Amino acid sequence: MEQQKLPNAQISLILGIISFVACCCSSGLGGLLFSGIAFYLAKKDEKLYNENPDGYSNFSQLKTAKTVAIIGLVLAVIAFGMAIFQIVAAGGWEGYMEQQREVLEQLGIEQ
């Protein structure tokens, strides 16, 4: 019997890697989204592999994708938690926005 590739292993790996960048650029929300999708697809393929282990050839890529997705998920949760903490520490949304305006003024960036 010819071995096939797991259908979502490569896309889950790509989404897991994208989640690192998205985590930094969107206060964790993008990382949560991309790594969540990557983890879901990896789990789906893992179930498919467990039904027929001899029929698929790229299980190591799937394990890597799952690991990258978990790391992205953890980093996204940490980044999101830090963003929430900054908002709460600033005295709510208005205080946070005022701090951001002050930072922009110090940098010489006009709004």
PDB file of N, CA and C in Angstrom:
ATOM      1  N   MET A   1       0.836  -1.184   0.000  1.00  0.00           N
ATOM      2  CA  MET A   1       0.000   0.000   0.000  1.00  0.00           C
ATOM      3  C   MET A   1       0.884   1.251   0.000  1.00  0.00           C
ATOM      4  N   GLU A   2       0.531   2.187  -0.815  1.00  0.00           N
ATOM      5  CA  GLU A   2       1.305   3.421  -0.929  1.00  0.00           C
ATOM      6  C   GLU A   2       0.953   4.380   0.202  1.00  0.00           C
ATOM      7  N   GLN A   3       1.979   4.983   0.780  1.00  0.00           N
ATOM      8  CA  GLN A   3       1.740   5.925   1.871  1.00  0.00           C
ATOM      9  C   GLN A   3       1.358   7.294   1.324  1.00  0.00           C
ATOM     10  N   GLN A   4       0.430   7.929   2.007  1.00  0.00           N
ATOM     11  CA  GLN A   4      -0.020   9.273   1.646  1.00  0.00           C
ATOM     12  C   GLN A   4       0.512  10.260   2.667  1.00  0.00           C
ATOM     13  N   LYS A   5       0.379  11.533   2.333  1.00  0.00           N
ATOM     14  CA  LYS A   5       0.731  12.579   3.291  1.00  0.00           C
ATOM     15  C   LYS A   5      -0.526  13.003   4.032  1.00  0.00           C
ATOM     16  N   LEU A   6      -0.356  13.347   5.288  1.00  0.00           N
ATOM     17  CA  LEU A   6      -1.492  13.855   6.061  1.00  0.00           C
ATOM     18  C   LEU A   6      -1.932  15.186   5.460  1.00  0.00           C
ATOM     19  N   PRO A   7      -3.233  15.394   5.270  1.00  0.00           N
ATOM     20  CA  PRO A   7      -3.693  16.548   4.492  1.00  0.00           C
ATOM     21  C   PRO A   7      -3.452  17.913   5.136  1.00  0.00           C
ATOM     22  N   ASN A   8      -3.426  18.000   6.451  1.00  0.00           N
ATOM     23  CA  ASN A   8      -3.338  19.309   7.104  1.00  0.00           C
ATOM     24  C   ASN A   8      -2.017  19.555   7.817  1.00  0.00           C
ATOM     25  N   ALA A   9      -1.061  18.650   7.685  1.00  0.00           N
ATOM     26  CA  ALA A   9       0.186  18.785   8.432  1.00  0.00           C
ATOM     27  C   ALA A   9       0.965  20.027   8.019  1.00  0.00           C
ATOM     28  N   GLN A  10       1.082  20.264   6.728  1.00  0.00           N
ATOM     29  CA  GLN A  10       1.872  21.403   6.265  1.00  0.00           C
ATOM     30  C   GLN A  10       1.190  22.728   6.582  1.00  0.00           C
ATOM     31  N   ILE A  11      -0.112  22.814   6.380  1.00  0.00           N
ATOM     32  CA  ILE A  11      -0.811  24.079   6.651  1.00  0.00           C
ATOM     33  C   ILE A  11      -0.839  24.370   8.154  1.00  0.00           C
ATOM     34  N   SER A  12      -0.923  23.342   8.982  1.00  0.00           N
ATOM     35  CA  SER A  12      -0.899  23.598  10.425  1.00  0.00           C
ATOM     36  C   SER A  12       0.482  24.070  10.869  1.00  0.00           C
ATOM     37  N   LEU A  13       1.528  23.581  10.225  1.00  0.00           N
ATOM     38  CA  LEU A  13       2.878  24.065  10.529  1.00  0.00           C
ATOM     39  C   LEU A  13       3.029  25.530  10.112  1.00  0.00           C
ATOM     40  N   ILE A  14       2.538  25.869   8.943  1.00  0.00           N
ATOM     41  CA  ILE A  14       2.608  27.255   8.462  1.00  0.00           C
ATOM     42  C   ILE A  14       1.808  28.183   9.365  1.00  0.00           C
ATOM     43  N   LEU A  15       0.610  27.773   9.742  1.00  0.00           N
ATOM     44  CA  LEU A  15      -0.213  28.608  10.634  1.00  0.00           C
ATOM     45  C   LEU A  15       0.441  28.764  12.005  1.00  0.00           C
ATOM     46  N   GLY A  16       1.089  27.718  12.487  1.00  0.00           N
ATOM     47  CA  GLY A  16       1.797  27.812  13.761  1.00  0.00           C
ATOM     48  C   GLY A  16       2.930  28.817  13.704  1.00  0.00           C
ATOM     49  N   ILE A  17       3.658  28.840  12.601  1.00  0.00           N
ATOM     50  CA  ILE A  17       4.750  29.805  12.448  1.00  0.00           C
ATOM     51  C   ILE A  17       4.198  31.221  12.314  1.00  0.00           C
ATOM     52  N   ILE A  18       3.120  31.384  11.565  1.00  0.00           N
ATOM     53  CA  ILE A  18       2.488  32.695  11.421  1.00  0.00           C
ATOM     54  C   ILE A  18       1.977  33.198  12.765  1.00  0.00           C
ATOM     55  N   SER A  19       1.580  32.279  13.637  1.00  0.00           N
ATOM     56  CA  SER A  19       1.051  32.692  14.942  1.00  0.00           C
ATOM     57  C   SER A  19       2.105  33.422  15.778  1.00  0.00           C
ATOM     58  N   PHE A  20       3.402  33.098  15.580  1.00  0.00           N
ATOM     59  CA  PHE A  20       4.454  33.820  16.308  1.00  0.00           C
ATOM     60  C   PHE A  20       4.459  35.294  15.933  1.00  0.00           C
ATOM     61  N   VAL A  21       4.406  35.561  14.640  1.00  0.00           N
ATOM     62  CA  VAL A  21       4.414  36.946  14.160  1.00  0.00           C
ATOM     63  C   VAL A  21       3.123  37.646  14.568  1.00  0.00           C
ATOM     64  N   ALA A  22       2.007  36.963  14.404  1.00  0.00           N
ATOM     65  CA  ALA A  22       0.713  37.556  14.745  1.00  0.00           C
ATOM     66  C   ALA A  22       0.599  37.832  16.239  1.00  0.00           C
ATOM     67  N   CYS A  23       1.254  37.026  17.031  1.00  0.00           N
ATOM     68  CA  CYS A  23       1.240  37.221  18.482  1.00  0.00           C
ATOM     69  C   CYS A  23       1.878  38.555  18.848  1.00  0.00           C
ATOM     70  N   CYS A  24       2.952  38.892  18.176  1.00  0.00           N
ATOM     71  CA  CYS A  24       3.667  40.133  18.471  1.00  0.00           C
ATOM     72  C   CYS A  24       2.961  41.356  17.908  1.00  0.00           C
ATOM     73  N   CYS A  25       2.273  41.194  16.807  1.00  0.00           N
ATOM     74  CA  CYS A  25       1.680  42.340  16.112  1.00  0.00           C
ATOM     75  C   CYS A  25       0.264  42.676  16.562  1.00  0.00           C
ATOM     76  N   SER A  26      -0.368  41.809  17.324  1.00  0.00           N
ATOM     77  CA  SER A  26      -1.773  42.056  17.656  1.00  0.00           C
ATOM     78  C   SER A  26      -2.092  41.829  19.133  1.00  0.00           C
ATOM     79  N   SER A  27      -1.143  42.036  19.993  1.00  0.00           N
ATOM     80  CA  SER A  27      -1.328  41.858  21.440  1.00  0.00           C
ATOM     81  C   SER A  27      -1.831  40.464  21.793  1.00  0.00           C
ATOM     82  N   GLY A  28      -1.471  39.491  21.023  1.00  0.00           N
ATOM     83  CA  GLY A  28      -1.814  38.113  21.326  1.00  0.00           C
ATOM     84  C   GLY A  28      -3.047  37.573  20.628  1.00  0.00           C
ATOM     85  N   LEU A  29      -3.941  38.435  20.159  1.00  0.00           N
ATOM     86  CA  LEU A  29      -5.182  37.945  19.563  1.00  0.00           C
ATOM     87  C   LEU A  29      -4.944  37.193  18.260  1.00  0.00           C
ATOM     88  N   GLY A  30      -4.102  37.720  17.397  1.00  0.00           N
ATOM     89  CA  GLY A  30      -3.782  37.026  16.153  1.00  0.00           C
ATOM     90  C   GLY A  30      -3.099  35.698  16.409  1.00  0.00           C
ATOM     91  N   GLY A  31      -2.219  35.680  17.398  1.00  0.00           N
ATOM     92  CA  GLY A  31      -1.547  34.436  17.763  1.00  0.00           C
ATOM     93  C   GLY A  31      -2.519  33.397  18.278  1.00  0.00           C
ATOM     94  N   LEU A  32      -3.495  33.830  19.066  1.00  0.00           N
ATOM     95  CA  LEU A  32      -4.516  32.905  19.550  1.00  0.00           C
ATOM     96  C   LEU A  32      -5.303  32.316  18.390  1.00  0.00           C
ATOM     97  N   LEU A  33      -5.658  33.153  17.443  1.00  0.00           N
ATOM     98  CA  LEU A  33      -6.442  32.701  16.302  1.00  0.00           C
ATOM     99  C   LEU A  33      -5.659  31.697  15.453  1.00  0.00           C
ATOM    100  N   PHE A  34      -4.476  32.085  15.001  1.00  0.00           N
ATOM    101  CA  PHE A  34      -3.702  31.218  14.112  1.00  0.00           C
ATOM    102  C   PHE A  34      -3.224  29.945  14.798  1.00  0.00           C
ATOM    103  N   SER A  35      -2.753  30.054  16.029  1.00  0.00           N
ATOM    104  CA  SER A  35      -2.279  28.846  16.708  1.00  0.00           C
ATOM    105  C   SER A  35      -3.440  27.936  17.095  1.00  0.00           C
ATOM    106  N   GLY A  36      -4.591  28.518  17.387  1.00  0.00           N
ATOM    107  CA  GLY A  36      -5.773  27.697  17.675  1.00  0.00           C
ATOM    108  C   GLY A  36      -6.195  26.890  16.466  1.00  0.00           C
ATOM    109  N   ILE A  37      -6.221  27.523  15.306  1.00  0.00           N
ATOM    110  CA  ILE A  37      -6.565  26.810  14.068  1.00  0.00           C
ATOM    111  C   ILE A  37      -5.516  25.742  13.768  1.00  0.00           C
ATOM    112  N   ALA A  38      -4.237  26.089  13.928  1.00  0.00           N
ATOM    113  CA  ALA A  38      -3.163  25.126  13.662  1.00  0.00           C
ATOM    114  C   ALA A  38      -3.263  23.922  14.592  1.00  0.00           C
ATOM    115  N   PHE A  39      -3.558  24.162  15.851  1.00  0.00           N
ATOM    116  CA  PHE A  39      -3.675  23.063  16.809  1.00  0.00           C
ATOM    117  C   PHE A  39      -4.866  22.172  16.473  1.00  0.00           C
ATOM    118  N   TYR A  40      -5.978  22.788  16.094  1.00  0.00           N
ATOM    119  CA  TYR A  40      -7.166  22.023  15.713  1.00  0.00           C
ATOM    120  C   TYR A  40      -6.878  21.129  14.506  1.00  0.00           C
ATOM    121  N   LEU A  41      -6.239  21.693  13.483  1.00  0.00           N
ATOM    122  CA  LEU A  41      -5.913  20.905  12.289  1.00  0.00           C
ATOM    123  C   LEU A  41      -4.927  19.784  12.612  1.00  0.00           C
ATOM    124  N   ALA A  42      -3.971  20.045  13.496  1.00  0.00           N
ATOM    125  CA  ALA A  42      -3.006  19.014  13.886  1.00  0.00           C
ATOM    126  C   ALA A  42      -3.700  17.878  14.639  1.00  0.00           C
ATOM    127  N   LYS A  43      -4.605  18.218  15.525  1.00  0.00           N
ATOM    128  CA  LYS A  43      -5.342  17.184  16.263  1.00  0.00           C
ATOM    129  C   LYS A  43      -6.221  16.361  15.318  1.00  0.00           C
ATOM    130  N   LYS A  44      -6.805  17.027  14.336  1.00  0.00           N
ATOM    131  CA  LYS A  44      -7.639  16.340  13.353  1.00  0.00           C
ATOM    132  C   LYS A  44      -6.806  15.327  12.562  1.00  0.00           C
ATOM    133  N   ASP A  45      -5.625  15.735  12.122  1.00  0.00           N
ATOM    134  CA  ASP A  45      -4.744  14.833  11.394  1.00  0.00           C
ATOM    135  C   ASP A  45      -4.191  13.726  12.293  1.00  0.00           C
ATOM    136  N   GLU A  46      -3.992  14.036  13.557  1.00  0.00           N
ATOM    137  CA  GLU A  46      -3.496  13.017  14.484  1.00  0.00           C
ATOM    138  C   GLU A  46      -4.523  11.889  14.637  1.00  0.00           C
ATOM    139  N   LYS A  47      -5.794  12.256  14.702  1.00  0.00           N
ATOM    140  CA  LYS A  47      -6.848  11.233  14.759  1.00  0.00           C
ATOM    141  C   LYS A  47      -6.849  10.397  13.485  1.00  0.00           C
ATOM    142  N   LEU A  48      -6.665  11.055  12.350  1.00  0.00           N
ATOM    143  CA  LEU A  48      -6.614  10.358  11.070  1.00  0.00           C
ATOM    144  C   LEU A  48      -5.427   9.397  11.040  1.00  0.00           C
ATOM    145  N   TYR A  49      -4.296   9.830  11.544  1.00  0.00           N
ATOM    146  CA  TYR A  49      -3.098   8.981  11.585  1.00  0.00           C
ATOM    147  C   TYR A  49      -3.309   7.781  12.509  1.00  0.00           C
ATOM    148  N   ASN A  50      -3.942   8.012  13.659  1.00  0.00           N
ATOM    149  CA  ASN A  50      -4.155   6.922  14.609  1.00  0.00           C
ATOM    150  C   ASN A  50      -5.081   5.844  14.061  1.00  0.00           C
ATOM    151  N   GLU A  51      -5.951   6.198  13.117  1.00  0.00           N
ATOM    152  CA  GLU A  51      -6.827   5.198  12.497  1.00  0.00           C
ATOM    153  C   GLU A  51      -6.052   4.268  11.564  1.00  0.00           C
ATOM    154  N   ASN A  52      -5.015   4.801  10.907  1.00  0.00           N
ATOM    155  CA  ASN A  52      -4.232   4.022   9.956  1.00  0.00           C
ATOM    156  C   ASN A  52      -2.775   4.485   9.990  1.00  0.00           C
ATOM    157  N   PRO A  53      -1.997   4.043  10.972  1.00  0.00           N
ATOM    158  CA  PRO A  53      -0.618   4.529  11.119  1.00  0.00           C
ATOM    159  C   PRO A  53       0.304   4.165   9.949  1.00  0.00           C
ATOM    160  N   ASP A  54       0.043   3.090   9.286  1.00  0.00           N
ATOM    161  CA  ASP A  54       0.917   2.663   8.184  1.00  0.00           C
ATOM    162  C   ASP A  54       0.598   3.383   6.874  1.00  0.00           C
ATOM    163  N   GLY A  55      -0.495   4.115   6.827  1.00  0.00           N
ATOM    164  CA  GLY A  55      -0.912   4.740   5.579  1.00  0.00           C
ATOM    165  C   GLY A  55      -0.379   6.135   5.344  1.00  0.00           C
ATOM    166  N   TYR A  56       0.337   6.704   6.322  1.00  0.00           N
ATOM    167  CA  TYR A  56       0.784   8.096   6.199  1.00  0.00           C
ATOM    168  C   TYR A  56       2.286   8.203   6.464  1.00  0.00           C
ATOM    169  N   SER A  57       2.917   9.120   5.749  1.00  0.00           N
ATOM    170  CA  SER A  57       4.381   9.192   5.811  1.00  0.00           C
ATOM    171  C   SER A  57       4.918  10.417   6.547  1.00  0.00           C
ATOM    172  N   ASN A  58       4.116  11.433   6.821  1.00  0.00           N
ATOM    173  CA  ASN A  58       4.669  12.666   7.377  1.00  0.00           C
ATOM    174  C   ASN A  58       4.182  12.937   8.802  1.00  0.00           C
ATOM    175  N   PHE A  59       4.199  11.903   9.631  1.00  0.00           N
ATOM    176  CA  PHE A  59       3.769  12.084  11.020  1.00  0.00           C
ATOM    177  C   PHE A  59       4.752  12.946  11.802  1.00  0.00           C
ATOM    178  N   SER A  60       6.037  12.903  11.479  1.00  0.00           N
ATOM    179  CA  SER A  60       7.011  13.743  12.194  1.00  0.00           C
ATOM    180  C   SER A  60       6.738  15.224  11.928  1.00  0.00           C
ATOM    181  N   GLN A  61       6.329  15.550  10.712  1.00  0.00           N
ATOM    182  CA  GLN A  61       5.959  16.936  10.405  1.00  0.00           C
ATOM    183  C   GLN A  61       4.734  17.349  11.204  1.00  0.00           C
ATOM    184  N   LEU A  62       3.795  16.427  11.389  1.00  0.00           N
ATOM    185  CA  LEU A  62       2.598  16.717  12.171  1.00  0.00           C
ATOM    186  C   LEU A  62       2.955  16.957  13.637  1.00  0.00           C
ATOM    187  N   LYS A  63       3.878  16.156  14.184  1.00  0.00           N
ATOM    188  CA  LYS A  63       4.297  16.366  15.574  1.00  0.00           C
ATOM    189  C   LYS A  63       4.961  17.734  15.731  1.00  0.00           C
ATOM    190  N   THR A  64       5.768  18.127  14.750  1.00  0.00           N
ATOM    191  CA  THR A  64       6.407  19.438  14.781  1.00  0.00           C
ATOM    192  C   THR A  64       5.363  20.544  14.721  1.00  0.00           C
ATOM    193  N   ALA A  65       4.387  20.384  13.845  1.00  0.00           N
ATOM    194  CA  ALA A  65       3.327  21.384  13.711  1.00  0.00           C
ATOM    195  C   ALA A  65       2.535  21.525  15.009  1.00  0.00           C
ATOM    196  N   LYS A  66       2.263  20.418  15.649  1.00  0.00           N
ATOM    197  CA  LYS A  66       1.522  20.451  16.915  1.00  0.00           C
ATOM    198  C   LYS A  66       2.335  21.160  18.000  1.00  0.00           C
ATOM    199  N   THR A  67       3.629  20.873  18.056  1.00  0.00           N
ATOM    200  CA  THR A  67       4.490  21.523  19.035  1.00  0.00           C
ATOM    201  C   THR A  67       4.577  23.027  18.795  1.00  0.00           C
ATOM    202  N   VAL A  68       4.740  23.430  17.534  1.00  0.00           N
ATOM    203  CA  VAL A  68       4.812  24.848  17.191  1.00  0.00           C
ATOM    204  C   VAL A  68       3.493  25.536  17.535  1.00  0.00           C
ATOM    205  N   ALA A  69       2.372  24.864  17.278  1.00  0.00           N
ATOM    206  CA  ALA A  69       1.064  25.439  17.593  1.00  0.00           C
ATOM    207  C   ALA A  69       0.899  25.628  19.107  1.00  0.00           C
ATOM    208  N   ILE A  70       1.348  24.676  19.883  1.00  0.00           N
ATOM    209  CA  ILE A  70       1.239  24.794  21.346  1.00  0.00           C
ATOM    210  C   ILE A  70       2.116  25.935  21.850  1.00  0.00           C
ATOM    211  N   ILE A  71       3.325  26.049  21.338  1.00  0.00           N
ATOM    212  CA  ILE A  71       4.212  27.144  21.752  1.00  0.00           C
ATOM    213  C   ILE A  71       3.595  28.487  21.358  1.00  0.00           C
ATOM    214  N   GLY A  72       3.056  28.581  20.143  1.00  0.00           N
ATOM    215  CA  GLY A  72       2.389  29.808  19.707  1.00  0.00           C
ATOM    216  C   GLY A  72       1.199  30.146  20.579  1.00  0.00           C
ATOM    217  N   LEU A  73       0.450  29.129  20.984  1.00  0.00           N
ATOM    218  CA  LEU A  73      -0.706  29.344  21.847  1.00  0.00           C
ATOM    219  C   LEU A  73      -0.284  29.867  23.218  1.00  0.00           C
ATOM    220  N   VAL A  74       0.761  29.306  23.773  1.00  0.00           N
ATOM    221  CA  VAL A  74       1.258  29.758  25.076  1.00  0.00           C
ATOM    222  C   VAL A  74       1.769  31.206  24.989  1.00  0.00           C
ATOM    223  N   LEU A  75       2.545  31.501  23.955  1.00  0.00           N
ATOM    224  CA  LEU A  75       3.043  32.876  23.784  1.00  0.00           C
ATOM    225  C   LEU A  75       1.897  33.871  23.580  1.00  0.00           C
ATOM    226  N   ALA A  76       0.876  33.460  22.843  1.00  0.00           N
ATOM    227  CA  ALA A  76      -0.269  34.338  22.603  1.00  0.00           C
ATOM    228  C   ALA A  76      -1.035  34.613  23.894  1.00  0.00           C
ATOM    229  N   VAL A  77      -1.195  33.604  24.713  1.00  0.00           N
ATOM    230  CA  VAL A  77      -1.887  33.792  25.998  1.00  0.00           C
ATOM    231  C   VAL A  77      -1.079  34.731  26.889  1.00  0.00           C
ATOM    232  N   ILE A  78       0.228  34.573  26.899  1.00  0.00           N
ATOM    233  CA  ILE A  78       1.078  35.460  27.697  1.00  0.00           C
ATOM    234  C   ILE A  78       0.990  36.897  27.181  1.00  0.00           C
ATOM    235  N   ALA A  79       1.068  37.085  25.863  1.00  0.00           N
ATOM    236  CA  ALA A  79       0.990  38.432  25.283  1.00  0.00           C
ATOM    237  C   ALA A  79      -0.373  39.058  25.539  1.00  0.00           C
ATOM    238  N   PHE A  80      -1.426  38.277  25.419  1.00  0.00           N
ATOM    239  CA  PHE A  80      -2.768  38.792  25.669  1.00  0.00           C
ATOM    240  C   PHE A  80      -2.934  39.161  27.142  1.00  0.00           C
ATOM    241  N   GLY A  81      -2.396  38.327  28.022  1.00  0.00           N
ATOM    242  CA  GLY A  81      -2.454  38.628  29.455  1.00  0.00           C
ATOM    243  C   GLY A  81      -1.696  39.901  29.803  1.00  0.00           C
ATOM    244  N   MET A  82      -0.544  40.094  29.163  1.00  0.00           N
ATOM    245  CA  MET A  82       0.229  41.315  29.407  1.00  0.00           C
ATOM    246  C   MET A  82      -0.525  42.544  28.902  1.00  0.00           C
ATOM    247  N   ALA A  83      -1.200  42.427  27.771  1.00  0.00           N
ATOM    248  CA  ALA A  83      -1.974  43.550  27.240  1.00  0.00           C
ATOM    249  C   ALA A  83      -3.122  43.909  28.175  1.00  0.00           C
ATOM    250  N   ILE A  84      -3.809  42.893  28.688  1.00  0.00           N
ATOM    251  CA  ILE A  84      -4.903  43.142  29.637  1.00  0.00           C
ATOM    252  C   ILE A  84      -4.357  43.770  30.912  1.00  0.00           C
ATOM    253  N   PHE A  85      -3.212  43.278  31.385  1.00  0.00           N
ATOM    254  CA  PHE A  85      -2.603  43.838  32.585  1.00  0.00           C
ATOM    255  C   PHE A  85      -2.237  45.310  32.386  1.00  0.00           C
ATOM    256  N   GLN A  86      -1.699  45.658  31.220  1.00  0.00           N
ATOM    257  CA  GLN A  86      -1.353  47.058  30.947  1.00  0.00           C
ATOM    258  C   GLN A  86      -2.587  47.946  30.960  1.00  0.00           C
ATOM    259  N   ILE A  87      -3.670  47.457  30.416  1.00  0.00           N
ATOM    260  CA  ILE A  87      -4.901  48.241  30.394  1.00  0.00           C
ATOM    261  C   ILE A  87      -5.435  48.438  31.806  1.00  0.00           C
ATOM    262  N   VAL A  88      -5.439  47.378  32.595  1.00  0.00           N
ATOM    263  CA  VAL A  88      -5.931  47.472  33.971  1.00  0.00           C
ATOM    264  C   VAL A  88      -5.024  48.362  34.807  1.00  0.00           C
ATOM    265  N   ALA A  89      -3.711  48.234  34.649  1.00  0.00           N
ATOM    266  CA  ALA A  89      -2.755  49.027  35.423  1.00  0.00           C
ATOM    267  C   ALA A  89      -2.835  50.506  35.075  1.00  0.00           C
ATOM    268  N   ALA A  90      -3.246  50.811  33.862  1.00  0.00           N
ATOM    269  CA  ALA A  90      -3.343  52.213  33.438  1.00  0.00           C
ATOM    270  C   ALA A  90      -4.644  52.863  33.905  1.00  0.00           C
ATOM    271  N   GLY A  91      -5.506  52.115  34.526  1.00  0.00           N
ATOM    272  CA  GLY A  91      -6.759  52.683  35.011  1.00  0.00           C
ATOM    273  C   GLY A  91      -7.879  52.585  33.989  1.00  0.00           C
ATOM    274  N   GLY A  92      -7.879  51.551  33.188  1.00  0.00           N
ATOM    275  CA  GLY A  92      -8.928  51.360  32.199  1.00  0.00           C
ATOM    276  C   GLY A  92      -8.476  51.776  30.814  1.00  0.00           C
ATOM    277  N   TRP A  93      -9.410  51.702  29.883  1.00  0.00           N
ATOM    278  CA  TRP A  93      -9.098  51.967  28.484  1.00  0.00           C
ATOM    279  C   TRP A  93      -8.667  53.409  28.261  1.00  0.00           C
ATOM    280  N   GLU A  94      -9.360  54.353  28.892  1.00  0.00           N
ATOM    281  CA  GLU A  94      -9.018  55.772  28.700  1.00  0.00           C
ATOM    282  C   GLU A  94      -7.609  56.072  29.217  1.00  0.00           C
ATOM    283  N   GLY A  95      -7.256  55.546  30.363  1.00  0.00           N
ATOM    284  CA  GLY A  95      -5.916  55.744  30.905  1.00  0.00           C
ATOM    285  C   GLY A  95      -4.858  55.123  30.020  1.00  0.00           C
ATOM    286  N   TYR A  96      -5.173  53.971  29.478  1.00  0.00           N
ATOM    287  CA  TYR A  96      -4.242  53.294  28.570  1.00  0.00           C
ATOM    288  C   TYR A  96      -4.022  54.114  27.309  1.00  0.00           C
ATOM    289  N   MET A  97      -5.098  54.636  26.743  1.00  0.00           N
ATOM    290  CA  MET A  97      -4.982  55.445  25.525  1.00  0.00           C
ATOM    291  C   MET A  97      -4.209  56.734  25.802  1.00  0.00           C
ATOM    292  N   GLU A  98      -4.396  57.304  26.990  1.00  0.00           N
ATOM    293  CA  GLU A  98      -3.650  58.509  27.349  1.00  0.00           C
ATOM    294  C   GLU A  98      -2.160  58.207  27.452  1.00  0.00           C
ATOM    295  N   GLN A  99      -1.817  57.064  28.030  1.00  0.00           N
ATOM    296  CA  GLN A  99      -0.408  56.666  28.092  1.00  0.00           C
ATOM    297  C   GLN A  99       0.174  56.486  26.689  1.00  0.00           C
ATOM    298  N   GLN A 100      -0.604  55.913  25.792  1.00  0.00           N
ATOM    299  CA  GLN A 100      -0.125  55.712  24.424  1.00  0.00           C
ATOM    300  C   GLN A 100       0.087  57.049  23.712  1.00  0.00           C
ATOM    301  N   ARG A 101      -0.816  58.012  23.956  1.00  0.00           N
ATOM    302  CA  ARG A 101      -0.653  59.347  23.366  1.00  0.00           C
ATOM    303  C   ARG A 101       0.628  60.020  23.869  1.00  0.00           C
ATOM    304  N   GLU A 102       0.899  59.869  25.166  1.00  0.00           N
ATOM    305  CA  GLU A 102       2.108  60.447  25.738  1.00  0.00           C
ATOM    306  C   GLU A 102       3.363  59.811  25.131  1.00  0.00           C
ATOM    307  N   VAL A 103       3.340  58.522  24.939  1.00  0.00           N
ATOM    308  CA  VAL A 103       4.479  57.830  24.332  1.00  0.00           C
ATOM    309  C   VAL A 103       4.690  58.331  22.909  1.00  0.00           C
ATOM    310  N   LEU A 104       3.611  58.485  22.150  1.00  0.00           N
ATOM    311  CA  LEU A 104       3.721  58.971  20.776  1.00  0.00           C
ATOM    312  C   LEU A 104       4.253  60.398  20.734  1.00  0.00           C
ATOM    313  N   GLU A 105       3.821  61.233  21.679  1.00  0.00           N
ATOM    314  CA  GLU A 105       4.310  62.611  21.728  1.00  0.00           C
ATOM    315  C   GLU A 105       5.801  62.632  22.054  1.00  0.00           C
ATOM    316  N   GLN A 106       6.250  61.779  22.965  1.00  0.00           N
ATOM    317  CA  GLN A 106       7.667  61.725  23.299  1.00  0.00           C
ATOM    318  C   GLN A 106       8.512  61.266  22.121  1.00  0.00           C
ATOM    319  N   LEU A 107       7.944  60.409  21.310  1.00  0.00           N
ATOM    320  CA  LEU A 107       8.651  59.935  20.118  1.00  0.00           C
ATOM    321  C   LEU A 107       8.565  60.917  18.957  1.00  0.00           C
ATOM    322  N   GLY A 108       7.720  61.922  19.101  1.00  0.00           N
ATOM    323  CA  GLY A 108       7.577  62.923  18.045  1.00  0.00           C
ATOM    324  C   GLY A 108       6.693  62.477  16.905  1.00  0.00           C
ATOM    325  N   ILE A 109       5.816  61.548  17.180  1.00  0.00           N
ATOM    326  CA  ILE A 109       4.901  61.037  16.144  1.00  0.00           C
ATOM    327  C   ILE A 109       3.572  61.763  16.294  1.00  0.00           C
ATOM    328  N   GLU A 110       3.116  62.382  15.204  1.00  0.00           N
ATOM    329  CA  GLU A 110       1.830  63.085  15.208  1.00  0.00           C
ATOM    330  C   GLU A 110       0.701  62.112  14.936  1.00  0.00           C
ATOM    331  N   GLN A 111      -0.444  62.415  15.512  1.00  0.00           N
ATOM    332  CA  GLN A 111      -1.617  61.561  15.284  1.00  0.00           C
ATOM    333  C   GLN A 111      -2.508  62.158  14.242  1.00  0.00           C
TER     334      GLN A 111
END
